[in-house]
């Protein structure tokens, strides 16, 4: 008997779809690029992120970082010094996503 193929989403419009949940937290133009910069550097400051993610505005970077932090993908560490220094790093949850993003990258290189 043939094994039934696992669907990407049983209920595409439903909130229980894992793929939809992932796209909700890393979808859009900037979030994956932000994750890539942090992954490449392990720890990165805001100004370095701003310079590394070409074309992003301060507003969009700040908003994306807040959302990534709220979704448990980015750690924000603020140092009590003047001027204030803030560093960003990936959480273990985000680190577990990196191999999947690498596979998407390889697929894109091979097929697009």
Protein backbone atom coordinates (compact mmCIF):
# COMPACT_ATOMS: atom_id res chain seq x y z
CA UNK A 1 0.00 0.00 0.00
CA UNK A 2 1.37 3.41 -0.98
CA UNK A 3 2.24 5.81 1.78
CA UNK A 4 0.09 8.95 1.79
CA UNK A 5 2.02 12.11 0.93
CA UNK A 6 2.25 14.60 3.81
CA UNK A 7 0.57 17.89 2.81
CA UNK A 8 2.34 21.20 3.37
CA UNK A 9 -0.83 22.45 5.08
CA UNK A 10 -4.00 20.53 5.90
CA UNK A 11 -5.95 23.75 6.33
CA UNK A 12 -4.24 26.51 4.35
CA UNK A 13 -6.33 29.30 5.84
CA UNK A 14 -6.26 27.83 9.35
CA UNK A 15 -4.17 28.99 12.26
CA UNK A 16 -2.95 25.45 12.92
CA UNK A 17 -0.85 25.31 9.75
CA UNK A 18 2.83 25.20 10.72
CA UNK A 19 3.94 26.63 7.38
CA UNK A 20 1.60 29.61 7.76
CA UNK A 21 2.96 30.21 11.28
CA UNK A 22 6.54 30.25 9.97
CA UNK A 23 5.70 32.61 7.13
CA UNK A 24 3.92 34.92 9.57
CA UNK A 25 7.05 35.34 11.69
CA UNK A 26 9.81 35.37 9.03
CA UNK A 27 7.88 36.46 5.96
CA UNK A 28 8.27 39.84 4.38
CA UNK A 29 11.19 41.59 2.81
CA UNK A 30 13.59 42.06 5.73
CA UNK A 31 13.37 39.46 8.50
CA UNK A 32 15.30 36.65 6.82
CA UNK A 33 18.00 39.13 5.80
CA UNK A 34 18.25 40.34 9.41
CA UNK A 35 18.55 36.74 10.61
CA UNK A 36 21.29 36.12 8.02
CA UNK A 37 23.35 39.09 9.20
CA UNK A 38 23.04 38.07 12.85
CA UNK A 39 23.87 34.45 12.00
CA UNK A 40 26.99 35.52 10.05
CA UNK A 41 28.25 37.66 12.94
CA UNK A 42 26.80 35.76 15.95
CA UNK A 43 26.36 39.07 17.82
CA UNK A 44 25.63 42.33 16.05
CA UNK A 45 24.87 45.91 17.05
CA UNK A 46 22.02 47.95 15.61
CA UNK A 47 24.24 50.22 13.50
CA UNK A 48 26.00 47.25 11.95
CA UNK A 49 22.63 45.68 11.10
CA UNK A 50 21.49 48.96 9.56
CA UNK A 51 24.59 49.09 7.34
CA UNK A 52 24.45 45.39 6.43
CA UNK A 53 20.79 45.16 5.38
CA UNK A 54 20.88 47.31 2.27
CA UNK A 55 17.83 49.52 1.76
CA UNK A 56 16.14 48.99 5.14
CA UNK A 57 14.87 52.07 6.96
CA UNK A 58 15.46 52.71 10.66
CA UNK A 59 11.73 52.34 11.30
CA UNK A 60 11.49 48.99 9.51
CA UNK A 61 14.65 47.65 11.17
CA UNK A 62 13.45 48.64 14.64
CA UNK A 63 9.99 47.16 14.01
CA UNK A 64 11.39 43.93 12.54
CA UNK A 65 13.79 43.48 15.46
CA UNK A 66 10.96 43.98 17.97
CA UNK A 67 8.83 41.41 16.16
CA UNK A 68 11.70 38.90 15.91
CA UNK A 69 12.38 39.36 19.62
CA UNK A 70 8.67 38.95 20.50
CA UNK A 71 8.54 35.77 18.38
CA UNK A 72 11.50 34.30 20.26
CA UNK A 73 13.99 34.40 17.38
CA UNK A 74 16.30 37.22 18.47
CA UNK A 75 17.87 38.03 21.83
CA UNK A 76 18.32 41.72 22.66
CA UNK A 77 20.99 42.61 25.22
CA UNK A 78 21.19 46.21 26.40
CA UNK A 79 24.24 47.43 28.27
CA UNK A 80 23.86 50.18 30.87
CA UNK A 81 26.48 52.55 29.55
CA UNK A 82 26.48 55.85 27.72
CA UNK A 83 25.84 55.86 24.90
CA UNK A 84 23.52 52.89 25.26
CA UNK A 85 24.88 49.79 23.55
CA UNK A 86 22.50 47.09 22.33
CA UNK A 87 23.55 43.75 20.86
CA UNK A 88 21.41 41.23 19.03
CA UNK A 89 21.97 37.48 18.73
CA UNK A 90 19.96 34.49 17.58
CA UNK A 91 18.02 32.36 20.03
CA UNK A 92 18.30 28.59 19.94
CA UNK A 93 14.90 28.56 18.21
CA UNK A 94 16.28 30.74 15.39
CA UNK A 95 19.51 28.72 15.19
CA UNK A 96 17.43 25.59 14.58
CA UNK A 97 15.90 27.35 11.54
CA UNK A 98 19.28 28.14 9.89
CA UNK A 99 19.71 24.68 8.24
CA UNK A 100 16.24 25.04 6.69
CA UNK A 101 17.09 28.51 5.36
CA UNK A 102 20.34 27.09 3.94
CA UNK A 103 18.33 24.46 2.06
CA UNK A 104 16.06 27.19 0.64
CA UNK A 105 19.17 29.15 -0.37
CA UNK A 106 20.63 26.10 -2.15
CA UNK A 107 17.33 25.45 -3.90
CA UNK A 108 17.22 29.07 -5.07
CA UNK A 109 20.77 28.92 -6.36
CA UNK A 110 20.02 25.73 -8.29
CA UNK A 111 16.60 26.65 -9.64
CA UNK A 112 16.21 30.40 -9.93
